[in-house]
Amino acid sequence: MGKQASRAPQKSKLRVSRDGWKERAAEKQRELKRLRVTVRDLINSREQWKERAKELREQVEALQQANVSSFGDSPAWLVFGG
């Protein structure tokens, strides 16, 4: 019974150690998941802003083309200048 009695504290320490390890591992997994979600959201946001910038750039080019074609080859400052 001497060995059984001496193993009880060891088992308790191992159990506490294991439980601590499991909790730390679970916390790391939660943090990884949170970071993955953040990265996913940032990537989606970046793609939306890229698309918006592309649309606006195309609008600017279309307006510049319309401006040039409506005034011919003369620059706008000549038409509105004094």
PDB file of N, CA and C in Angstrom:
ATOM      1  N   MET A   1       0.808  -1.186   0.000  1.00  0.00           N
ATOM      2  CA  MET A   1       0.000   0.000   0.000  1.00  0.00           C
ATOM      3  C   MET A   1       0.856   1.257   0.000  1.00  0.00           C
ATOM      4  N   GLY A   2       2.112   1.096   0.293  1.00  0.00           N
ATOM      5  CA  GLY A   2       3.014   2.224   0.305  1.00  0.00           C
ATOM      6  C   GLY A   2       3.150   2.865  -1.072  1.00  0.00           C
ATOM      7  N   LYS A   3       3.203   2.022  -2.117  1.00  0.00           N
ATOM      8  CA  LYS A   3       3.327   2.559  -3.466  1.00  0.00           C
ATOM      9  C   LYS A   3       2.037   3.240  -3.903  1.00  0.00           C
ATOM     10  N   GLN A   4       0.905   2.671  -3.553  1.00  0.00           N
ATOM     11  CA  GLN A   4      -0.379   3.275  -3.902  1.00  0.00           C
ATOM     12  C   GLN A   4      -0.512   4.646  -3.249  1.00  0.00           C
ATOM     13  N   ALA A   5      -0.148   4.737  -2.032  1.00  0.00           N
ATOM     14  CA  ALA A   5      -0.261   5.997  -1.310  1.00  0.00           C
ATOM     15  C   ALA A   5       0.683   7.037  -1.896  1.00  0.00           C
ATOM     16  N   SER A   6       1.859   6.628  -2.321  1.00  0.00           N
ATOM     17  CA  SER A   6       2.821   7.588  -2.866  1.00  0.00           C
ATOM     18  C   SER A   6       2.442   8.020  -4.283  1.00  0.00           C
ATOM     19  N   ARG A   7       1.659   7.223  -4.979  1.00  0.00           N
ATOM     20  CA  ARG A   7       1.262   7.582  -6.348  1.00  0.00           C
ATOM     21  C   ARG A   7       0.075   8.542  -6.384  1.00  0.00           C
ATOM     22  N   ALA A   8      -0.679   8.585  -5.346  1.00  0.00           N
ATOM     23  CA  ALA A   8      -1.853   9.460  -5.335  1.00  0.00           C
ATOM     24  C   ALA A   8      -1.477  10.931  -5.533  1.00  0.00           C
ATOM     25  N   PRO A   9      -0.518  11.465  -4.816  1.00  0.00           N
ATOM     26  CA  PRO A   9      -0.139  12.869  -5.059  1.00  0.00           C
ATOM     27  C   PRO A   9       0.422  13.072  -6.463  1.00  0.00           C
ATOM     28  N   GLN A  10       1.132  12.083  -6.957  1.00  0.00           N
ATOM     29  CA  GLN A  10       1.696  12.179  -8.304  1.00  0.00           C
ATOM     30  C   GLN A  10       0.572  12.243  -9.338  1.00  0.00           C
ATOM     31  N   LYS A  11      -0.439  11.372  -9.162  1.00  0.00           N
ATOM     32  CA  LYS A  11      -1.580  11.382 -10.083  1.00  0.00           C
ATOM     33  C   LYS A  11      -2.292  12.717 -10.023  1.00  0.00           C
ATOM     34  N   SER A  12      -2.429  13.247  -8.832  1.00  0.00           N
ATOM     35  CA  SER A  12      -3.096  14.531  -8.669  1.00  0.00           C
ATOM     36  C   SER A  12      -2.319  15.633  -9.401  1.00  0.00           C
ATOM     37  N   LYS A  13      -0.997  15.629  -9.243  1.00  0.00           N
ATOM     38  CA  LYS A  13      -0.172  16.629  -9.922  1.00  0.00           C
ATOM     39  C   LYS A  13      -0.268  16.476 -11.438  1.00  0.00           C
ATOM     40  N   LEU A  14      -0.247  15.242 -11.894  1.00  0.00           N
ATOM     41  CA  LEU A  14      -0.364  15.004 -13.329  1.00  0.00           C
ATOM     42  C   LEU A  14      -1.716  15.469 -13.861  1.00  0.00           C
ATOM     43  N   ARG A  15      -2.753  15.197 -13.092  1.00  0.00           N
ATOM     44  CA  ARG A  15      -4.095  15.605 -13.496  1.00  0.00           C
ATOM     45  C   ARG A  15      -4.185  17.137 -13.577  1.00  0.00           C
ATOM     46  N   VAL A  16      -3.639  17.820 -12.572  1.00  0.00           N
ATOM     47  CA  VAL A  16      -3.640  19.281 -12.569  1.00  0.00           C
ATOM     48  C   VAL A  16      -2.827  19.807 -13.751  1.00  0.00           C
ATOM     49  N   SER A  17      -1.676  19.204 -13.984  1.00  0.00           N
ATOM     50  CA  SER A  17      -0.827  19.612 -15.094  1.00  0.00           C
ATOM     51  C   SER A  17      -1.548  19.410 -16.422  1.00  0.00           C
ATOM     52  N   ARG A  18      -2.188  18.252 -16.579  1.00  0.00           N
ATOM     53  CA  ARG A  18      -2.922  17.952 -17.807  1.00  0.00           C
ATOM     54  C   ARG A  18      -4.068  18.929 -18.007  1.00  0.00           C
ATOM     55  N   ASP A  19      -4.789  19.214 -16.950  1.00  0.00           N
ATOM     56  CA  ASP A  19      -5.919  20.138 -17.061  1.00  0.00           C
ATOM     57  C   ASP A  19      -5.446  21.540 -17.459  1.00  0.00           C
ATOM     58  N   GLY A  20      -4.321  21.950 -16.875  1.00  0.00           N
ATOM     59  CA  GLY A  20      -3.757  23.248 -17.249  1.00  0.00           C
ATOM     60  C   GLY A  20      -3.336  23.268 -18.709  1.00  0.00           C
ATOM     61  N   TRP A  21      -2.707  22.179 -19.148  1.00  0.00           N
ATOM     62  CA  TRP A  21      -2.286  22.083 -20.539  1.00  0.00           C
ATOM     63  C   TRP A  21      -3.486  22.129 -21.476  1.00  0.00           C
ATOM     64  N   LYS A  22      -4.535  21.411 -21.120  1.00  0.00           N
ATOM     65  CA  LYS A  22      -5.742  21.396 -21.957  1.00  0.00           C
ATOM     66  C   LYS A  22      -6.364  22.790 -22.047  1.00  0.00           C
ATOM     67  N   GLU A  23      -6.395  23.488 -20.937  1.00  0.00           N
ATOM     68  CA  GLU A  23      -6.974  24.830 -20.931  1.00  0.00           C
ATOM     69  C   GLU A  23      -6.139  25.792 -21.773  1.00  0.00           C
ATOM     70  N   ARG A  24      -4.816  25.707 -21.652  1.00  0.00           N
ATOM     71  CA  ARG A  24      -3.956  26.564 -22.463  1.00  0.00           C
ATOM     72  C   ARG A  24      -4.120  26.247 -23.947  1.00  0.00           C
ATOM     73  N   ALA A  25      -4.204  24.961 -24.274  1.00  0.00           N
ATOM     74  CA  ALA A  25      -4.379  24.560 -25.671  1.00  0.00           C
ATOM     75  C   ALA A  25      -5.724  25.059 -26.210  1.00  0.00           C
ATOM     76  N   ALA A  26      -6.765  24.954 -25.404  1.00  0.00           N
ATOM     77  CA  ALA A  26      -8.087  25.425 -25.822  1.00  0.00           C
ATOM     78  C   ALA A  26      -8.070  26.941 -26.017  1.00  0.00           C
ATOM     79  N   GLU A  27      -7.391  27.655 -25.137  1.00  0.00           N
ATOM     80  CA  GLU A  27      -7.295  29.114 -25.262  1.00  0.00           C
ATOM     81  C   GLU A  27      -6.549  29.494 -26.540  1.00  0.00           C
ATOM     82  N   LYS A  28      -5.495  28.770 -26.857  1.00  0.00           N
ATOM     83  CA  LYS A  28      -4.756  29.029 -28.091  1.00  0.00           C
ATOM     84  C   LYS A  28      -5.636  28.789 -29.316  1.00  0.00           C
ATOM     85  N   GLN A  29      -6.435  27.746 -29.266  1.00  0.00           N
ATOM     86  CA  GLN A  29      -7.334  27.459 -30.381  1.00  0.00           C
ATOM     87  C   GLN A  29      -8.368  28.570 -30.546  1.00  0.00           C
ATOM     88  N   ARG A  30      -8.891  29.065 -29.430  1.00  0.00           N
ATOM     89  CA  ARG A  30      -9.858  30.171 -29.503  1.00  0.00           C
ATOM     90  C   ARG A  30      -9.201  31.418 -30.103  1.00  0.00           C
ATOM     91  N   GLU A  31      -7.974  31.683 -29.694  1.00  0.00           N
ATOM     92  CA  GLU A  31      -7.247  32.839 -30.218  1.00  0.00           C
ATOM     93  C   GLU A  31      -6.966  32.676 -31.709  1.00  0.00           C
ATOM     94  N   LEU A  32      -6.572  31.468 -32.129  1.00  0.00           N
ATOM     95  CA  LEU A  32      -6.349  31.215 -33.553  1.00  0.00           C
ATOM     96  C   LEU A  32      -7.617  31.435 -34.363  1.00  0.00           C
ATOM     97  N   LYS A  33      -8.726  30.947 -33.847  1.00  0.00           N
ATOM     98  CA  LYS A  33      -9.993  31.122 -34.551  1.00  0.00           C
ATOM     99  C   LYS A  33     -10.337  32.605 -34.665  1.00  0.00           C
ATOM    100  N   ARG A  34     -10.145  33.347 -33.567  1.00  0.00           N
ATOM    101  CA  ARG A  34     -10.438  34.780 -33.578  1.00  0.00           C
ATOM    102  C   ARG A  34      -9.561  35.502 -34.608  1.00  0.00           C
ATOM    103  N   LEU A  35      -8.288  35.133 -34.655  1.00  0.00           N
ATOM    104  CA  LEU A  35      -7.383  35.761 -35.613  1.00  0.00           C
ATOM    105  C   LEU A  35      -7.720  35.383 -37.049  1.00  0.00           C
ATOM    106  N   ARG A  36      -8.119  34.144 -37.265  1.00  0.00           N
ATOM    107  CA  ARG A  36      -8.518  33.734 -38.623  1.00  0.00           C
ATOM    108  C   ARG A  36      -9.727  34.528 -39.092  1.00  0.00           C
ATOM    109  N   VAL A  37     -10.682  34.734 -38.195  1.00  0.00           N
ATOM    110  CA  VAL A  37     -11.875  35.517 -38.541  1.00  0.00           C
ATOM    111  C   VAL A  37     -11.474  36.955 -38.861  1.00  0.00           C
ATOM    112  N   THR A  38     -10.565  37.511 -38.066  1.00  0.00           N
ATOM    113  CA  THR A  38     -10.099  38.878 -38.309  1.00  0.00           C
ATOM    114  C   THR A  38      -9.413  38.983 -39.665  1.00  0.00           C
ATOM    115  N   VAL A  39      -8.556  38.030 -39.973  1.00  0.00           N
ATOM    116  CA  VAL A  39      -7.862  38.033 -41.265  1.00  0.00           C
ATOM    117  C   VAL A  39      -8.871  37.905 -42.403  1.00  0.00           C
ATOM    118  N   ARG A  40      -9.833  37.013 -42.252  1.00  0.00           N
ATOM    119  CA  ARG A  40     -10.853  36.841 -43.288  1.00  0.00           C
ATOM    120  C   ARG A  40     -11.616  38.137 -43.523  1.00  0.00           C
ATOM    121  N   ASP A  41     -12.009  38.798 -42.435  1.00  0.00           N
ATOM    122  CA  ASP A  41     -12.753  40.046 -42.550  1.00  0.00           C
ATOM    123  C   ASP A  41     -11.908  41.139 -43.198  1.00  0.00           C
ATOM    124  N   LEU A  42     -10.629  41.204 -42.832  1.00  0.00           N
ATOM    125  CA  LEU A  42      -9.754  42.213 -43.427  1.00  0.00           C
ATOM    126  C   LEU A  42      -9.533  41.962 -44.913  1.00  0.00           C
ATOM    127  N   ILE A  43      -9.388  40.712 -45.287  1.00  0.00           N
ATOM    128  CA  ILE A  43      -9.214  40.378 -46.708  1.00  0.00           C
ATOM    129  C   ILE A  43     -10.461  40.765 -47.496  1.00  0.00           C
ATOM    130  N   ASN A  44     -11.636  40.441 -46.949  1.00  0.00           N
ATOM    131  CA  ASN A  44     -12.880  40.798 -47.630  1.00  0.00           C
ATOM    132  C   ASN A  44     -13.025  42.308 -47.752  1.00  0.00           C
ATOM    133  N   SER A  45     -12.704  43.025 -46.691  1.00  0.00           N
ATOM    134  CA  SER A  45     -12.794  44.478 -46.712  1.00  0.00           C
ATOM    135  C   SER A  45     -11.840  45.066 -47.747  1.00  0.00           C
ATOM    136  N   ARG A  46     -10.639  44.535 -47.773  1.00  0.00           N
ATOM    137  CA  ARG A  46      -9.647  45.032 -48.734  1.00  0.00           C
ATOM    138  C   ARG A  46     -10.119  44.797 -50.162  1.00  0.00           C
ATOM    139  N   GLU A  47     -10.676  43.632 -50.417  1.00  0.00           N
ATOM    140  CA  GLU A  47     -11.173  43.338 -51.762  1.00  0.00           C
ATOM    141  C   GLU A  47     -12.310  44.276 -52.143  1.00  0.00           C
ATOM    142  N   GLN A  48     -13.197  44.582 -51.194  1.00  0.00           N
ATOM    143  CA  GLN A  48     -14.299  45.513 -51.471  1.00  0.00           C
ATOM    144  C   GLN A  48     -13.763  46.902 -51.786  1.00  0.00           C
ATOM    145  N   TRP A  49     -12.763  47.356 -51.027  1.00  0.00           N
ATOM    146  CA  TRP A  49     -12.196  48.681 -51.281  1.00  0.00           C
ATOM    147  C   TRP A  49     -11.458  48.715 -52.603  1.00  0.00           C
ATOM    148  N   LYS A  50     -10.787  47.630 -52.958  1.00  0.00           N
ATOM    149  CA  LYS A  50     -10.112  47.565 -54.258  1.00  0.00           C
ATOM    150  C   LYS A  50     -11.133  47.692 -55.383  1.00  0.00           C
ATOM    151  N   GLU A  51     -12.234  46.962 -55.244  1.00  0.00           N
ATOM    152  CA  GLU A  51     -13.287  46.997 -56.268  1.00  0.00           C
ATOM    153  C   GLU A  51     -13.888  48.394 -56.360  1.00  0.00           C
ATOM    154  N   ARG A  52     -14.125  49.014 -55.215  1.00  0.00           N
ATOM    155  CA  ARG A  52     -14.684  50.377 -55.192  1.00  0.00           C
ATOM    156  C   ARG A  52     -13.717  51.360 -55.856  1.00  0.00           C
ATOM    157  N   ALA A  53     -12.434  51.246 -55.560  1.00  0.00           N
ATOM    158  CA  ALA A  53     -11.437  52.129 -56.166  1.00  0.00           C
ATOM    159  C   ALA A  53     -11.384  51.924 -57.679  1.00  0.00           C
ATOM    160  N   LYS A  54     -11.491  50.678 -58.108  1.00  0.00           N
ATOM    161  CA  LYS A  54     -11.486  50.385 -59.550  1.00  0.00           C
ATOM    162  C   LYS A  54     -12.698  51.022 -60.223  1.00  0.00           C
ATOM    163  N   GLU A  55     -13.861  50.894 -59.603  1.00  0.00           N
ATOM    164  CA  GLU A  55     -15.079  51.501 -60.167  1.00  0.00           C
ATOM    165  C   GLU A  55     -14.931  53.015 -60.263  1.00  0.00           C
ATOM    166  N   LEU A  56     -14.425  53.632 -59.206  1.00  0.00           N
ATOM    167  CA  LEU A  56     -14.263  55.083 -59.212  1.00  0.00           C
ATOM    168  C   LEU A  56     -13.236  55.529 -60.243  1.00  0.00           C
ATOM    169  N   ARG A  57     -12.169  54.757 -60.385  1.00  0.00           N
ATOM    170  CA  ARG A  57     -11.153  55.077 -61.400  1.00  0.00           C
ATOM    171  C   ARG A  57     -11.772  55.015 -62.795  1.00  0.00           C
ATOM    172  N   GLU A  58     -12.614  54.012 -63.039  1.00  0.00           N
ATOM    173  CA  GLU A  58     -13.285  53.894 -64.334  1.00  0.00           C
ATOM    174  C   GLU A  58     -14.240  55.056 -64.550  1.00  0.00           C
ATOM    175  N   GLN A  59     -14.928  55.496 -63.493  1.00  0.00           N
ATOM    176  CA  GLN A  59     -15.823  56.654 -63.610  1.00  0.00           C
ATOM    177  C   GLN A  59     -15.034  57.909 -63.960  1.00  0.00           C
ATOM    178  N   VAL A  60     -13.900  58.104 -63.310  1.00  0.00           N
ATOM    179  CA  VAL A  60     -13.066  59.280 -63.582  1.00  0.00           C
ATOM    180  C   VAL A  60     -12.601  59.254 -65.032  1.00  0.00           C
ATOM    181  N   GLU A  61     -12.149  58.095 -65.492  1.00  0.00           N
ATOM    182  CA  GLU A  61     -11.696  57.989 -66.882  1.00  0.00           C
ATOM    183  C   GLU A  61     -12.840  58.272 -67.854  1.00  0.00           C
ATOM    184  N   ALA A  62     -14.036  57.769 -67.558  1.00  0.00           N
ATOM    185  CA  ALA A  62     -15.187  58.003 -68.425  1.00  0.00           C
ATOM    186  C   ALA A  62     -15.547  59.489 -68.440  1.00  0.00           C
ATOM    187  N   LEU A  63     -15.499  60.128 -67.286  1.00  0.00           N
ATOM    188  CA  LEU A  63     -15.800  61.558 -67.230  1.00  0.00           C
ATOM    189  C   LEU A  63     -14.737  62.376 -67.955  1.00  0.00           C
ATOM    190  N   GLN A  64     -13.496  61.971 -67.851  1.00  0.00           N
ATOM    191  CA  GLN A  64     -12.434  62.666 -68.565  1.00  0.00           C
ATOM    192  C   GLN A  64     -12.619  62.508 -70.071  1.00  0.00           C
ATOM    193  N   GLN A  65     -12.986  61.318 -70.498  1.00  0.00           N
ATOM    194  CA  GLN A  65     -13.242  61.085 -71.922  1.00  0.00           C
ATOM    195  C   GLN A  65     -14.422  61.927 -72.398  1.00  0.00           C
ATOM    196  N   ALA A  66     -15.475  61.982 -71.579  1.00  0.00           N
ATOM    197  CA  ALA A  66     -16.653  62.782 -71.943  1.00  0.00           C
ATOM    198  C   ALA A  66     -16.280  64.258 -71.996  1.00  0.00           C
ATOM    199  N   ASN A  67     -15.444  64.699 -71.074  1.00  0.00           N
ATOM    200  CA  ASN A  67     -15.020  66.089 -71.039  1.00  0.00           C
ATOM    201  C   ASN A  67     -14.203  66.430 -72.275  1.00  0.00           C
ATOM    202  N   VAL A  68     -13.288  65.560 -72.651  1.00  0.00           N
ATOM    203  CA  VAL A  68     -12.457  65.793 -73.831  1.00  0.00           C
ATOM    204  C   VAL A  68     -13.313  65.781 -75.090  1.00  0.00           C
ATOM    205  N   SER A  69     -14.224  64.837 -75.194  1.00  0.00           N
ATOM    206  CA  SER A  69     -15.033  64.748 -76.414  1.00  0.00           C
ATOM    207  C   SER A  69     -16.031  65.897 -76.518  1.00  0.00           C
ATOM    208  N   SER A  70     -16.505  66.425 -75.409  1.00  0.00           N
ATOM    209  CA  SER A  70     -17.477  67.513 -75.481  1.00  0.00           C
ATOM    210  C   SER A  70     -16.809  68.841 -75.832  1.00  0.00           C
ATOM    211  N   PHE A  71     -15.530  69.002 -75.508  1.00  0.00           N
ATOM    212  CA  PHE A  71     -14.828  70.241 -75.812  1.00  0.00           C
ATOM    213  C   PHE A  71     -13.840  70.074 -76.950  1.00  0.00           C
ATOM    214  N   GLY A  72     -13.835  68.950 -77.555  1.00  0.00           N
ATOM    215  CA  GLY A  72     -12.906  68.717 -78.648  1.00  0.00           C
ATOM    216  C   GLY A  72     -11.500  68.552 -78.126  1.00  0.00           C
ATOM    217  N   ASP A  73     -10.540  69.049 -78.893  1.00  0.00           N
ATOM    218  CA  ASP A  73      -9.146  68.913 -78.493  1.00  0.00           C
ATOM    219  C   ASP A  73      -8.670  70.062 -77.617  1.00  0.00           C
ATOM    220  N   SER A  74      -9.482  71.103 -77.460  1.00  0.00           N
ATOM    221  CA  SER A  74      -9.047  72.244 -76.650  1.00  0.00           C
ATOM    222  C   SER A  74      -9.143  71.905 -75.172  1.00  0.00           C
ATOM    223  N   PRO A  75      -8.145  72.295 -74.417  1.00  0.00           N
ATOM    224  CA  PRO A  75      -8.190  72.034 -72.983  1.00  0.00           C
ATOM    225  C   PRO A  75      -9.323  72.820 -72.326  1.00  0.00           C
ATOM    226  N   ALA A  76      -9.796  72.336 -71.216  1.00  0.00           N
ATOM    227  CA  ALA A  76     -10.920  72.976 -70.516  1.00  0.00           C
ATOM    228  C   ALA A  76     -10.551  74.376 -70.052  1.00  0.00           C
ATOM    229  N   TRP A  77      -9.303  74.630 -69.734  1.00  0.00           N
ATOM    230  CA  TRP A  77      -8.932  75.947 -69.244  1.00  0.00           C
ATOM    231  C   TRP A  77      -9.042  77.014 -70.341  1.00  0.00           C
ATOM    232  N   LEU A  78      -8.942  76.619 -71.598  1.00  0.00           N
ATOM    233  CA  LEU A  78      -9.125  77.582 -72.681  1.00  0.00           C
ATOM    234  C   LEU A  78     -10.586  77.964 -72.848  1.00  0.00           C
ATOM    235  N   VAL A  79     -11.469  76.995 -72.647  1.00  0.00           N
ATOM    236  CA  VAL A  79     -12.898  77.245 -72.823  1.00  0.00           C
ATOM    237  C   VAL A  79     -13.402  78.137 -71.709  1.00  0.00           C
ATOM    238  N   PHE A  80     -12.941  77.892 -70.478  1.00  0.00           N
ATOM    239  CA  PHE A  80     -13.449  78.652 -69.341  1.00  0.00           C
ATOM    240  C   PHE A  80     -12.552  79.824 -68.978  1.00  0.00           C
ATOM    241  N   GLY A  81     -11.380  79.930 -69.601  1.00  0.00           N
ATOM    242  CA  GLY A  81     -10.443  80.992 -69.259  1.00  0.00           C
ATOM    243  C   GLY A  81     -10.930  82.350 -69.746  1.00  0.00           C
ATOM    244  N   GLY A  82     -10.313  83.378 -69.278  1.00  0.00           N
ATOM    245  CA  GLY A  82     -10.768  84.728 -69.622  1.00  0.00           C
ATOM    246  C   GLY A  82      -9.847  85.495 -70.441  1.00  0.00           C
TER     247      GLY A  82
END
